[in-house]
């Protein structure tokens, strides 16, 4: 039986390919009467405030963003911009080709799977439509928990929902939001995905000082859990 009972993944840049804001975001700025560069600057500067969900729902959050940008659109424009932003974030999101096969293979091995993501309101709305959705046992979103990585609350929430201890879980992420350090502090084993495309990934608060194990491709997690199972079968985890 594998030492790990579950493998938990970051979403953006881990289960997805590198993310950058695409051209569709310009339409959101236009609806709000805001210059696209100004909107981008505000979105970058306020990411963690927005990702906690503490500013309210998607409409209230976007209205707060407008105030930061110095524009005051109508209610109709804000509602239209919320829908536009949802489409834009979804358009930026492309699953890795091996995301579904890896999650399916982990479940075939008897491991639980899940996502722990720093995100704004859009991801919880569209993740159920993605091909990975049926393969996830737990989904933990910062915008719903009210905390962002590396706060232990996100990792412990996932463990609580799975009925597992942190030591039973392997965490895989690209290193944004100091998530790897956070996972280890919460008691999990963490590995960094360092796929080549992540050189252009949009990331905040990167885990620059983390020096733990690294995977070059998402599929390498399967060899990691298999080797761990073999070590345990031989005589327990080395240590």
Protein backbone atom coordinates (compact mmCIF):
# COMPACT_ATOMS: atom_id res chain seq x y z
CA UNK A 1 0.00 0.00 0.00
CA UNK A 2 1.49 3.42 -0.92
CA UNK A 3 2.67 5.67 1.87
CA UNK A 4 0.73 8.49 0.25
CA UNK A 5 -3.02 8.25 0.46
CA UNK A 6 -3.64 11.33 -1.70
CA UNK A 7 -1.92 13.58 -4.23
CA UNK A 8 -3.03 17.21 -4.15
CA UNK A 9 -2.28 19.61 -6.98
CA UNK A 10 -2.06 23.30 -7.56
CA UNK A 11 -4.25 24.24 -10.52
CA UNK A 12 -2.85 27.12 -12.62
CA UNK A 13 0.53 26.18 -14.07
CA UNK A 14 0.39 22.67 -12.63
CA UNK A 15 -2.68 20.94 -14.00
CA UNK A 16 -2.78 23.66 -16.66
CA UNK A 17 -0.18 24.89 -19.07
CA UNK A 18 1.55 28.22 -18.50
CA UNK A 19 -0.97 31.03 -17.98
CA UNK A 20 -0.76 34.57 -19.28
CA UNK A 21 -3.58 37.08 -19.61
CA UNK A 22 -4.86 36.87 -23.17
CA UNK A 23 -6.43 39.44 -25.48
CA UNK A 24 -9.93 38.72 -24.19
CA UNK A 25 -9.21 40.76 -21.06
CA UNK A 26 -9.14 43.94 -23.16
CA UNK A 27 -12.88 43.50 -23.67
CA UNK A 28 -13.44 43.53 -19.91
CA UNK A 29 -11.52 46.77 -19.58
CA UNK A 30 -13.51 48.33 -22.41
CA UNK A 31 -16.81 47.44 -20.76
CA UNK A 32 -15.62 49.10 -17.56
CA UNK A 33 -14.43 52.23 -19.35
CA UNK A 34 -10.90 51.55 -18.17
CA UNK A 35 -7.61 51.45 -20.05
CA UNK A 36 -6.45 47.84 -20.37
CA UNK A 37 -3.02 48.60 -18.88
CA UNK A 38 -4.63 50.27 -15.87
CA UNK A 39 -6.90 47.31 -15.26
CA UNK A 40 -3.96 44.91 -15.53
CA UNK A 41 -1.93 46.93 -13.03
CA UNK A 42 -4.79 46.93 -10.53
CA UNK A 43 -5.47 43.22 -11.01
CA UNK A 44 -1.80 42.38 -10.44
CA UNK A 45 -1.51 44.64 -7.40
CA UNK A 46 -4.68 43.36 -5.72
CA UNK A 47 -4.50 39.66 -6.54
CA UNK A 48 -4.36 38.38 -2.99
CA UNK A 49 -7.03 40.74 -1.73
CA UNK A 50 -9.35 39.47 -4.46
CA UNK A 51 -8.37 35.81 -4.11
CA UNK A 52 -9.46 35.70 -0.46
CA UNK A 53 -13.07 36.35 -1.48
CA UNK A 54 -13.37 38.84 1.36
CA UNK A 55 -14.41 41.64 -1.02
CA UNK A 56 -17.70 39.90 -1.77
CA UNK A 57 -19.01 38.09 -4.82
CA UNK A 58 -17.62 38.51 -8.35
CA UNK A 59 -19.68 41.65 -9.01
CA UNK A 60 -18.77 43.33 -5.73
CA UNK A 61 -15.10 42.45 -6.22
CA UNK A 62 -15.02 43.90 -9.72
CA UNK A 63 -16.73 47.05 -8.53
CA UNK A 64 -14.00 47.39 -5.89
CA UNK A 65 -11.38 46.92 -8.63
CA UNK A 66 -13.05 49.71 -10.61
CA UNK A 67 -12.74 52.04 -7.63
CA UNK A 68 -9.03 51.23 -7.42
CA UNK A 69 -8.72 52.05 -11.13
CA UNK A 70 -10.66 55.31 -10.75
CA UNK A 71 -13.62 54.37 -12.93
CA UNK A 72 -17.30 54.14 -11.99
CA UNK A 73 -19.22 52.03 -14.51
CA UNK A 74 -22.96 51.41 -14.40
CA UNK A 75 -24.44 48.31 -12.78
CA UNK A 76 -25.20 46.93 -16.25
CA UNK A 77 -21.58 47.46 -17.34
CA UNK A 78 -20.23 45.74 -14.22
CA UNK A 79 -22.48 42.71 -14.76
CA UNK A 80 -21.40 42.50 -18.38
CA UNK A 81 -17.75 42.82 -17.35
CA UNK A 82 -18.12 40.00 -14.80
CA UNK A 83 -19.30 37.72 -17.60
CA UNK A 84 -16.53 39.00 -19.86
CA UNK A 85 -13.87 38.35 -17.25
CA UNK A 86 -15.19 34.83 -16.65
CA UNK A 87 -14.82 34.11 -20.38
CA UNK A 88 -11.36 35.70 -20.46
CA UNK A 89 -9.99 33.67 -17.53
CA UNK A 90 -11.50 30.51 -19.01
CA UNK A 91 -9.86 31.31 -22.35
CA UNK A 92 -6.48 31.58 -20.63
CA UNK A 93 -6.87 28.11 -19.11
CA UNK A 94 -5.64 25.04 -20.99
CA UNK A 95 -5.21 21.73 -19.21
CA UNK A 96 -1.91 19.96 -19.66
CA UNK A 97 -2.19 17.05 -22.09
CA UNK A 98 -1.27 14.63 -19.31
CA UNK A 99 -3.52 16.10 -16.61
CA UNK A 100 -6.42 13.71 -17.16
CA UNK A 101 -4.25 10.59 -17.68
CA UNK A 102 -2.20 11.34 -14.56
CA UNK A 103 -5.24 11.91 -12.35
CA UNK A 104 -6.90 8.76 -13.73
CA UNK A 105 -3.75 6.70 -13.14
CA UNK A 106 -3.46 7.93 -9.56
CA UNK A 107 -7.05 6.94 -8.85
CA UNK A 108 -6.44 3.53 -10.43
CA UNK A 109 -3.61 3.12 -7.93
CA UNK A 110 -6.08 3.76 -5.12
CA UNK A 111 -4.94 7.29 -4.28
CA UNK A 112 -7.29 10.20 -3.67
CA UNK A 113 -6.78 13.36 -5.70
CA UNK A 114 -7.58 17.02 -5.28
CA UNK A 115 -6.90 20.64 -6.16
CA UNK A 116 -5.80 23.41 -3.81
CA UNK A 117 -5.85 26.70 -5.69
CA UNK A 118 -5.36 30.37 -5.02
CA UNK A 119 -8.00 31.82 -7.32
CA UNK A 120 -10.70 34.40 -7.81
CA UNK A 121 -14.37 33.66 -8.41
CA UNK A 122 -13.99 32.37 -11.96
CA UNK A 123 -12.26 29.03 -11.33
CA UNK A 124 -14.89 27.55 -8.99
CA UNK A 125 -17.49 28.47 -11.60
CA UNK A 126 -15.86 26.79 -14.59
CA UNK A 127 -13.82 23.94 -13.11
CA UNK A 128 -16.88 21.64 -13.03
CA UNK A 129 -16.95 21.90 -16.84
CA UNK A 130 -13.36 20.68 -17.25
CA UNK A 131 -12.36 17.11 -18.05
CA UNK A 132 -10.50 16.77 -14.73
CA UNK A 133 -13.57 17.51 -12.62
CA UNK A 134 -14.79 13.88 -12.22
CA UNK A 135 -11.27 12.84 -11.23
CA UNK A 136 -10.97 15.14 -8.21
CA UNK A 137 -12.04 14.02 -4.76
CA UNK A 138 -11.62 17.45 -3.21
CA UNK A 139 -11.45 21.04 -4.46
CA UNK A 140 -10.20 23.77 -2.16
CA UNK A 141 -10.35 27.36 -3.44
CA UNK A 142 -8.85 30.33 -1.62
CA UNK A 143 -11.75 32.53 -2.68
CA UNK A 144 -14.08 30.23 -0.71
CA UNK A 145 -11.83 29.46 2.28
CA UNK A 146 -10.95 33.13 2.80
CA UNK A 147 -7.19 32.50 2.96
CA UNK A 148 -4.42 32.23 0.38
CA UNK A 149 -1.33 30.03 0.25
CA UNK A 150 0.92 29.52 2.10
CA UNK A 151 -1.67 29.76 4.89
CA UNK A 152 -2.06 26.25 6.39
CA UNK A 153 -5.84 26.60 6.35
CA UNK A 154 -6.03 25.62 2.68
CA UNK A 155 -3.97 22.46 3.07
CA UNK A 156 -5.68 21.43 6.29
CA UNK A 157 -9.10 22.02 4.75
CA UNK A 158 -8.22 19.54 2.00
CA UNK A 159 -7.03 17.02 4.58
CA UNK A 160 -10.17 17.45 6.66
CA UNK A 161 -12.42 16.88 3.65
CA UNK A 162 -10.46 13.76 2.71
CA UNK A 163 -10.31 12.47 6.27
CA UNK A 164 -6.52 12.23 6.05
CA UNK A 165 -3.53 13.55 7.96
CA UNK A 166 -1.17 15.97 6.17
CA UNK A 167 1.57 13.34 6.26
CA UNK A 168 -0.60 11.10 4.09
CA UNK A 169 -0.59 13.68 1.27
CA UNK A 170 1.81 14.59 -1.52
CA UNK A 171 1.50 18.14 -2.85
CA UNK A 172 2.52 19.10 -6.40
CA UNK A 173 2.78 22.73 -7.53
CA UNK A 174 4.79 25.14 -9.66
CA UNK A 175 5.78 27.17 -6.58
CA UNK A 176 3.62 30.26 -6.85
CA UNK A 177 2.32 31.81 -3.62
CA UNK A 178 5.07 30.01 -1.67
CA UNK A 179 2.77 27.01 -1.89
CA UNK A 180 5.50 24.39 -1.52
CA UNK A 181 6.83 25.92 1.67
CA UNK A 182 3.25 26.19 2.88
CA UNK A 183 2.50 22.54 2.12
CA UNK A 184 5.61 21.38 3.99
CA UNK A 185 4.82 23.58 6.98
CA UNK A 186 1.34 22.04 7.05
CA UNK A 187 2.94 18.60 7.25
CA UNK A 188 2.73 17.42 3.64
CA UNK A 189 5.49 16.26 1.31
CA UNK A 190 5.90 18.77 -1.52
CA UNK A 191 7.42 18.54 -4.99
CA UNK A 192 7.84 21.30 -7.53
CA UNK A 193 6.71 21.01 -11.15
CA UNK A 194 9.33 22.78 -13.27
CA UNK A 195 7.97 22.11 -16.77
CA UNK A 196 9.70 24.17 -19.51
CA UNK A 197 6.60 26.20 -20.38
CA UNK A 198 6.47 27.65 -16.86
CA UNK A 199 9.25 30.07 -17.78
CA UNK A 200 6.47 32.31 -19.12
CA UNK A 201 3.88 31.55 -16.44
CA UNK A 202 2.14 34.42 -14.64
CA UNK A 203 3.05 33.92 -10.99
CA UNK A 204 2.77 35.88 -7.76
CA UNK A 205 4.97 35.49 -4.67
CA UNK A 206 7.10 32.68 -6.10
CA UNK A 207 8.70 30.11 -3.78
CA UNK A 208 12.19 31.25 -4.79
CA UNK A 209 14.06 29.83 -1.79
CA UNK A 210 12.52 26.36 -1.91
CA UNK A 211 15.10 23.67 -2.76
CA UNK A 212 13.11 20.45 -2.58
CA UNK A 213 12.58 17.74 -5.23
CA UNK A 214 11.54 18.77 -8.73
CA UNK A 215 9.58 17.16 -11.55
CA UNK A 216 10.22 18.08 -15.19
CA UNK A 217 6.77 16.86 -16.30
CA UNK A 218 3.47 16.21 -14.57
CA UNK A 219 3.55 12.52 -15.45
CA UNK A 220 6.67 12.03 -13.32
CA UNK A 221 4.45 12.08 -10.24
CA UNK A 222 3.40 8.52 -11.12
CA UNK A 223 6.97 7.23 -10.89
CA UNK A 224 7.33 9.10 -7.60
CA UNK A 225 4.33 7.46 -5.95
CA UNK A 226 5.24 4.08 -7.43
CA UNK A 227 8.80 4.25 -6.09
CA UNK A 228 7.46 5.31 -2.71
CA UNK A 229 5.15 2.28 -2.70
CA UNK A 230 8.08 -0.02 -3.55
CA UNK A 231 10.19 1.39 -0.72
CA UNK A 232 7.36 0.82 1.73
CA UNK A 233 6.84 -2.72 0.42
CA UNK A 234 10.50 -3.52 1.00
CA UNK A 235 10.60 -2.38 4.57
CA UNK A 236 9.20 1.03 5.24
CA UNK A 237 10.09 4.58 4.29
CA UNK A 238 13.78 5.41 4.46
CA UNK A 239 14.60 8.08 6.95
